[in-house]
Amino acid sequence: MILIATPAAANANSYATVAEADAYSDSRLFTDDWLTGTADKERALAMATRLLDAFYTWTGSAVTQKQSQNLPKFAFYAWTGTPSTETQALCWPRQGMYSRNGFAIPSGEIPQPLKDATSEFARQLLVADRSADNDIEAQGITSIKAGPVSLTFKDMIEKKVIPDAVHSLLVPSWCIKASTPSIFEVL
C-alpha cells in the first residue's frame, strides 16, 4: 500500500507518515509491538486515520426533543471547525482550529497532536482489532458467577473503538460530543 500523508491531498489516507509514527514510538515506553515491517505500519496508520475520521464525523441531523426521547442513548462525535478545502480526502486539515495553548493552527497543517494520536492508535491496532465486536461486551455481560450460576447484563452497551490514550492526545476543543443528537457539549 502507498501511504499518502500530504495535508489536504485528494488522495490522502493518513495523518502521519511512518517516519513520524516511528519518532512518536521512539519517544514513549512499551512500544515493542511497533517494531514490525513498514507495510504493516502503513496499513495500521491508514486504518487509524480512517477510524478517527469515521468516529469523529457525526452525520446525523438535528431532531426535536420529543424525537430524541425515542433514540438510543449513544454518544455522537464531530470535529469542530471546517475542512480546509473541498477536495481533500480526509477531515483534516481544518480551518478555525486552535492548539492546546490557544494559538491558531494554520489551515493547511496537520497538527502534531493529531499525528501523535494517529500513531498511538496505529500502534494499538497492530496489537488488536479495536473495530471488531467483542462477543462478551456485545452481549452486555458485566459479571459471571460460577456457583450458583449468575449472569449480570448491562443496560446500555457502547463499544469503545478509540482508546483513551488516543483520545487524550487530541486537543479537547477539536471535537464536540452529543449524548443525544440534539444536545452538544465541547469535550
C-alpha atoms as a PDB file:
ATOM      1  CA  MET A   1       0.000   0.000   0.000  1.00  0.00           C
ATOM      2  CA  ILE A   2       1.117   3.532  -0.632  1.00  0.00           C
ATOM      3  CA  LEU A   3       0.737   5.787   2.380  1.00  0.00           C
ATOM      4  CA  ILE A   4      -0.168   9.378   1.468  1.00  0.00           C
ATOM      5  CA  ALA A   5       0.092  11.858   4.337  1.00  0.00           C
ATOM      6  CA  THR A   6       0.108  15.076   2.308  1.00  0.00           C
ATOM      7  CA  PRO A   7      -2.177  17.601   4.050  1.00  0.00           C
ATOM      8  CA  ALA A   8      -5.355  18.398   2.069  1.00  0.00           C
ATOM      9  CA  ALA A   9      -4.473  15.946  -0.726  1.00  0.00           C
ATOM     10  CA  ALA A  10      -7.413  14.496  -2.640  1.00  0.00           C
ATOM     11  CA  ASN A  11      -5.869  11.026  -2.252  1.00  0.00           C
ATOM     12  CA  ALA A  12      -4.511  11.281   1.316  1.00  0.00           C
ATOM     13  CA  ASN A  13      -5.060   8.241   3.524  1.00  0.00           C
ATOM     14  CA  SER A  14      -3.064   9.020   6.680  1.00  0.00           C
ATOM     15  CA  TYR A  15      -2.441  11.875   9.082  1.00  0.00           C
ATOM     16  CA  ALA A  16       1.075  10.623   9.884  1.00  0.00           C
ATOM     17  CA  THR A  17       3.946   9.161   7.922  1.00  0.00           C
ATOM     18  CA  VAL A  18       5.799   6.026   9.031  1.00  0.00           C
ATOM     19  CA  ALA A  19       8.783   8.227   9.964  1.00  0.00           C
ATOM     20  CA  GLU A  20       6.554  10.437  12.163  1.00  0.00           C
ATOM     21  CA  ALA A  21       4.994   7.371  13.790  1.00  0.00           C
ATOM     22  CA  ASP A  22       8.454   5.889  14.362  1.00  0.00           C
ATOM     23  CA  ALA A  23       9.556   9.152  16.039  1.00  0.00           C
ATOM     24  CA  TYR A  24       6.437   9.085  18.238  1.00  0.00           C
ATOM     25  CA  SER A  25       7.120   5.446  19.134  1.00  0.00           C
ATOM     26  CA  ASP A  26      10.741   6.242  19.982  1.00  0.00           C
ATOM     27  CA  SER A  27       9.550   8.852  22.490  1.00  0.00           C
ATOM     28  CA  ARG A  28       7.401   6.529  24.604  1.00  0.00           C
ATOM     29  CA  LEU A  29       7.682   3.311  26.611  1.00  0.00           C
ATOM     30  CA  PHE A  30       6.185  -0.107  25.807  1.00  0.00           C
ATOM     31  CA  THR A  31       6.309   0.116  22.026  1.00  0.00           C
ATOM     32  CA  ASP A  32       7.799  -3.262  21.119  1.00  0.00           C
ATOM     33  CA  ASP A  33       4.625  -4.007  19.152  1.00  0.00           C
ATOM     34  CA  TRP A  34       5.544  -1.156  16.765  1.00  0.00           C
ATOM     35  CA  LEU A  35       8.746  -2.982  15.780  1.00  0.00           C
ATOM     36  CA  THR A  36       7.178  -4.514  12.681  1.00  0.00           C
ATOM     37  CA  GLY A  37       7.537  -4.173   8.925  1.00  0.00           C
ATOM     38  CA  THR A  38       6.832  -0.945   7.059  1.00  0.00           C
ATOM     39  CA  ALA A  39       3.856  -2.451   5.195  1.00  0.00           C
ATOM     40  CA  ASP A  40       2.087  -3.301   8.483  1.00  0.00           C
ATOM     41  CA  LYS A  41       2.827   0.179   9.844  1.00  0.00           C
ATOM     42  CA  GLU A  42       1.378   1.789   6.694  1.00  0.00           C
ATOM     43  CA  ARG A  43      -1.799  -0.294   6.899  1.00  0.00           C
ATOM     44  CA  ALA A  44      -2.166   0.478  10.617  1.00  0.00           C
ATOM     45  CA  LEU A  45      -1.703   4.236  10.052  1.00  0.00           C
ATOM     46  CA  ALA A  46      -4.250   4.251   7.215  1.00  0.00           C
ATOM     47  CA  MET A  47      -6.757   2.291   9.310  1.00  0.00           C
ATOM     48  CA  ALA A  48      -6.200   4.525  12.356  1.00  0.00           C
ATOM     49  CA  THR A  49      -6.835   7.599  10.192  1.00  0.00           C
ATOM     50  CA  ARG A  50      -9.943   6.042   8.665  1.00  0.00           C
ATOM     51  CA  LEU A  51     -11.339   5.142  12.102  1.00  0.00           C
ATOM     52  CA  LEU A  52     -10.559   8.568  13.582  1.00  0.00           C
ATOM     53  CA  ASP A  53     -12.385  10.272  10.718  1.00  0.00           C
ATOM     54  CA  ALA A  54     -15.317   7.867  10.950  1.00  0.00           C
ATOM     55  CA  PHE A  55     -15.604   8.181  14.733  1.00  0.00           C
ATOM     56  CA  TYR A  56     -15.389  11.978  14.837  1.00  0.00           C
ATOM     57  CA  THR A  57     -17.696  12.645  11.888  1.00  0.00           C
ATOM     58  CA  TRP A  58     -21.269  12.711  13.080  1.00  0.00           C
ATOM     59  CA  THR A  59     -23.548  12.946  10.062  1.00  0.00           C
ATOM     60  CA  GLY A  60     -26.883  12.835  11.863  1.00  0.00           C
ATOM     61  CA  SER A  61     -29.398  15.619  11.674  1.00  0.00           C
ATOM     62  CA  ALA A  62     -30.948  17.663  14.442  1.00  0.00           C
ATOM     63  CA  VAL A  63     -34.096  16.224  15.963  1.00  0.00           C
ATOM     64  CA  THR A  64     -36.763  17.577  18.265  1.00  0.00           C
ATOM     65  CA  GLN A  65     -36.613  16.922  21.996  1.00  0.00           C
ATOM     66  CA  LYS A  66     -39.610  14.565  21.660  1.00  0.00           C
ATOM     67  CA  GLN A  67     -37.877  12.579  18.867  1.00  0.00           C
ATOM     68  CA  SER A  68     -34.653  12.351  20.885  1.00  0.00           C
ATOM     69  CA  GLN A  69     -36.514  10.605  23.729  1.00  0.00           C
ATOM     70  CA  ASN A  70     -37.105   7.620  21.424  1.00  0.00           C
ATOM     71  CA  LEU A  71     -33.480   7.342  20.293  1.00  0.00           C
ATOM     72  CA  PRO A  72     -30.929   5.064  21.966  1.00  0.00           C
ATOM     73  CA  LYS A  73     -28.590   6.850  24.390  1.00  0.00           C
ATOM     74  CA  PHE A  74     -25.399   6.764  22.340  1.00  0.00           C
ATOM     75  CA  ALA A  75     -22.696   9.391  22.052  1.00  0.00           C
ATOM     76  CA  PHE A  76     -22.078  11.127  18.742  1.00  0.00           C
ATOM     77  CA  TYR A  77     -18.861  12.988  17.982  1.00  0.00           C
ATOM     78  CA  ALA A  78     -17.820  15.574  15.408  1.00  0.00           C
ATOM     79  CA  TRP A  79     -14.693  17.555  14.609  1.00  0.00           C
ATOM     80  CA  THR A  80     -15.093  21.281  15.151  1.00  0.00           C
ATOM     81  CA  GLY A  81     -14.042  23.810  12.510  1.00  0.00           C
ATOM     82  CA  THR A  82     -14.389  23.123   8.800  1.00  0.00           C
ATOM     83  CA  PRO A  83     -12.261  21.258   6.245  1.00  0.00           C
ATOM     84  CA  SER A  84      -9.631  23.477   4.601  1.00  0.00           C
ATOM     85  CA  THR A  85     -10.553  22.518   1.036  1.00  0.00           C
ATOM     86  CA  GLU A  86     -13.497  20.998  -0.802  1.00  0.00           C
ATOM     87  CA  THR A  87     -11.326  18.365  -2.454  1.00  0.00           C
ATOM     88  CA  GLN A  88      -9.373  16.949   0.498  1.00  0.00           C
ATOM     89  CA  ALA A  89      -9.943  13.258   1.158  1.00  0.00           C
ATOM     90  CA  LEU A  90      -9.619  13.422   4.947  1.00  0.00           C
ATOM     91  CA  CYS A  91     -11.325  15.557   7.589  1.00  0.00           C
ATOM     92  CA  TRP A  92      -8.048  17.355   8.381  1.00  0.00           C
ATOM     93  CA  PRO A  93      -6.534  19.890   7.828  1.00  0.00           C
ATOM     94  CA  ARG A  94      -9.273  22.161   9.188  1.00  0.00           C
ATOM     95  CA  GLN A  95      -9.944  25.872   9.458  1.00  0.00           C
ATOM     96  CA  GLY A  96     -10.770  27.544  12.764  1.00  0.00           C
ATOM     97  CA  MET A  97      -8.746  25.162  14.914  1.00  0.00           C
ATOM     98  CA  TYR A  98      -6.560  26.053  17.889  1.00  0.00           C
ATOM     99  CA  SER A  99      -3.664  24.393  19.689  1.00  0.00           C
ATOM    100  CA  ARG A 100      -3.888  23.185  23.268  1.00  0.00           C
ATOM    101  CA  ASN A 101      -2.428  26.572  24.281  1.00  0.00           C
ATOM    102  CA  GLY A 102      -4.980  28.570  22.268  1.00  0.00           C
ATOM    103  CA  PHE A 103      -2.908  29.504  19.211  1.00  0.00           C
ATOM    104  CA  ALA A 104      -4.436  29.282  15.731  1.00  0.00           C
ATOM    105  CA  ILE A 105      -3.368  26.235  13.708  1.00  0.00           C
ATOM    106  CA  PRO A 106      -2.596  27.094  10.061  1.00  0.00           C
ATOM    107  CA  SER A 107      -5.433  25.784   7.865  1.00  0.00           C
ATOM    108  CA  GLY A 108      -3.088  23.703   5.696  1.00  0.00           C
ATOM    109  CA  GLU A 109      -1.369  21.877   8.555  1.00  0.00           C
ATOM    110  CA  ILE A 110      -1.895  18.531  10.284  1.00  0.00           C
ATOM    111  CA  PRO A 111      -1.092  19.370  13.928  1.00  0.00           C
ATOM    112  CA  GLN A 112       1.397  17.266  15.859  1.00  0.00           C
ATOM    113  CA  PRO A 113      -1.141  16.062  18.471  1.00  0.00           C
ATOM    114  CA  LEU A 114      -3.260  14.549  15.658  1.00  0.00           C
ATOM    115  CA  LYS A 115      -0.172  12.875  14.174  1.00  0.00           C
ATOM    116  CA  ASP A 116       0.668  11.505  17.635  1.00  0.00           C
ATOM    117  CA  ALA A 117      -2.905  10.290  18.217  1.00  0.00           C
ATOM    118  CA  THR A 118      -2.881   8.577  14.813  1.00  0.00           C
ATOM    119  CA  SER A 119       0.479   6.968  15.599  1.00  0.00           C
ATOM    120  CA  GLU A 120      -0.698   5.736  19.007  1.00  0.00           C
ATOM    121  CA  PHE A 121      -3.902   4.371  17.518  1.00  0.00           C
ATOM    122  CA  ALA A 122      -1.968   2.608  14.733  1.00  0.00           C
ATOM    123  CA  ARG A 123       0.326   1.005  17.325  1.00  0.00           C
ATOM    124  CA  GLN A 124      -2.672  -0.248  19.297  1.00  0.00           C
ATOM    125  CA  LEU A 125      -4.329  -1.560  16.124  1.00  0.00           C
ATOM    126  CA  LEU A 126      -1.270  -3.736  15.493  1.00  0.00           C
ATOM    127  CA  VAL A 127      -1.954  -5.408  18.858  1.00  0.00           C
ATOM    128  CA  ALA A 128      -5.723  -5.910  18.448  1.00  0.00           C
ATOM    129  CA  ASP A 129      -8.546  -5.039  16.060  1.00  0.00           C
ATOM    130  CA  ARG A 130     -10.376  -2.433  18.131  1.00  0.00           C
ATOM    131  CA  SER A 131     -13.089  -2.160  15.491  1.00  0.00           C
ATOM    132  CA  ALA A 132     -14.108  -5.811  15.886  1.00  0.00           C
ATOM    133  CA  ASP A 133     -17.064  -6.684  18.061  1.00  0.00           C
ATOM    134  CA  ASN A 134     -16.222  -8.102  21.466  1.00  0.00           C
ATOM    135  CA  ASP A 135     -18.644 -11.013  21.919  1.00  0.00           C
ATOM    136  CA  ILE A 136     -18.924 -10.692  25.691  1.00  0.00           C
ATOM    137  CA  GLU A 137     -19.233  -6.903  25.536  1.00  0.00           C
ATOM    138  CA  ALA A 138     -21.728  -7.144  22.664  1.00  0.00           C
ATOM    139  CA  GLN A 139     -23.896  -9.407  24.793  1.00  0.00           C
ATOM    140  CA  GLY A 140     -23.677  -6.911  27.637  1.00  0.00           C
ATOM    141  CA  ILE A 141     -22.399  -9.372  30.220  1.00  0.00           C
ATOM    142  CA  THR A 142     -20.854  -7.462  33.118  1.00  0.00           C
ATOM    143  CA  SER A 143     -20.303 -10.356  35.531  1.00  0.00           C
ATOM    144  CA  ILE A 144     -20.451 -14.131  35.687  1.00  0.00           C
ATOM    145  CA  LYS A 145     -20.595 -16.146  38.891  1.00  0.00           C
ATOM    146  CA  ALA A 146     -19.736 -19.877  38.920  1.00  0.00           C
ATOM    147  CA  GLY A 147     -21.782 -21.278  41.751  1.00  0.00           C
ATOM    148  CA  PRO A 148     -24.701 -20.939  41.948  1.00  0.00           C
ATOM    149  CA  VAL A 149     -24.702 -19.686  38.338  1.00  0.00           C
ATOM    150  CA  SER A 150     -25.420 -15.969  37.917  1.00  0.00           C
ATOM    151  CA  LEU A 151     -25.117 -13.545  34.978  1.00  0.00           C
ATOM    152  CA  THR A 152     -25.415  -9.753  35.075  1.00  0.00           C
ATOM    153  CA  PHE A 153     -26.103  -7.685  31.948  1.00  0.00           C
ATOM    154  CA  LYS A 154     -25.513  -4.002  31.247  1.00  0.00           C
ATOM    155  CA  ASP A 155     -28.419  -1.720  30.415  1.00  0.00           C
ATOM    156  CA  MET A 156     -26.517   0.071  27.640  1.00  0.00           C
ATOM    157  CA  ILE A 157     -23.670  -1.255  25.541  1.00  0.00           C
ATOM    158  CA  GLU A 158     -21.188   1.128  23.959  1.00  0.00           C
ATOM    159  CA  LYS A 159     -18.148  -0.247  22.133  1.00  0.00           C
ATOM    160  CA  LYS A 160     -15.005   1.777  22.829  1.00  0.00           C
ATOM    161  CA  VAL A 161     -13.174   1.840  19.498  1.00  0.00           C
ATOM    162  CA  ILE A 162     -10.985   4.866  20.211  1.00  0.00           C
ATOM    163  CA  PRO A 163      -8.613   4.078  23.107  1.00  0.00           C
ATOM    164  CA  ASP A 164      -8.401   6.559  25.981  1.00  0.00           C
ATOM    165  CA  ALA A 165      -4.707   7.122  25.239  1.00  0.00           C
ATOM    166  CA  VAL A 166      -5.591   8.237  21.698  1.00  0.00           C
ATOM    167  CA  HIS A 167      -8.459  10.476  22.765  1.00  0.00           C
ATOM    168  CA  SER A 168      -6.289  12.123  25.448  1.00  0.00           C
ATOM    169  CA  LEU A 169      -3.711  13.135  22.813  1.00  0.00           C
ATOM    170  CA  LEU A 170      -6.330  15.153  20.912  1.00  0.00           C
ATOM    171  CA  VAL A 171      -6.976  18.773  21.879  1.00  0.00           C
ATOM    172  CA  PRO A 172     -10.371  18.891  23.654  1.00  0.00           C
ATOM    173  CA  SER A 173     -11.648  21.837  21.590  1.00  0.00           C
ATOM    174  CA  TRP A 174     -11.174  19.846  18.366  1.00  0.00           C
ATOM    175  CA  CYS A 175     -14.321  17.791  18.824  1.00  0.00           C
ATOM    176  CA  ILE A 176     -17.822  18.005  20.179  1.00  0.00           C
ATOM    177  CA  LYS A 177     -19.828  15.255  21.798  1.00  0.00           C
ATOM    178  CA  ALA A 178     -23.581  14.879  21.831  1.00  0.00           C
ATOM    179  CA  SER A 179     -25.249  12.415  24.158  1.00  0.00           C
ATOM    180  CA  THR A 180     -28.368  12.685  22.031  1.00  0.00           C
ATOM    181  CA  PRO A 181     -28.474  14.172  18.530  1.00  0.00           C
ATOM    182  CA  SER A 182     -29.913  17.455  19.820  1.00  0.00           C
ATOM    183  CA  ILE A 183     -27.582  18.259  22.749  1.00  0.00           C
ATOM    184  CA  PHE A 184     -23.909  19.097  22.165  1.00  0.00           C
ATOM    185  CA  GLU A 185     -21.053  19.760  24.560  1.00  0.00           C
ATOM    186  CA  VAL A 186     -17.416  20.685  23.892  1.00  0.00           C
ATOM    187  CA  LEU A 187     -15.086  17.925  25.115  1.00  0.00           C
END
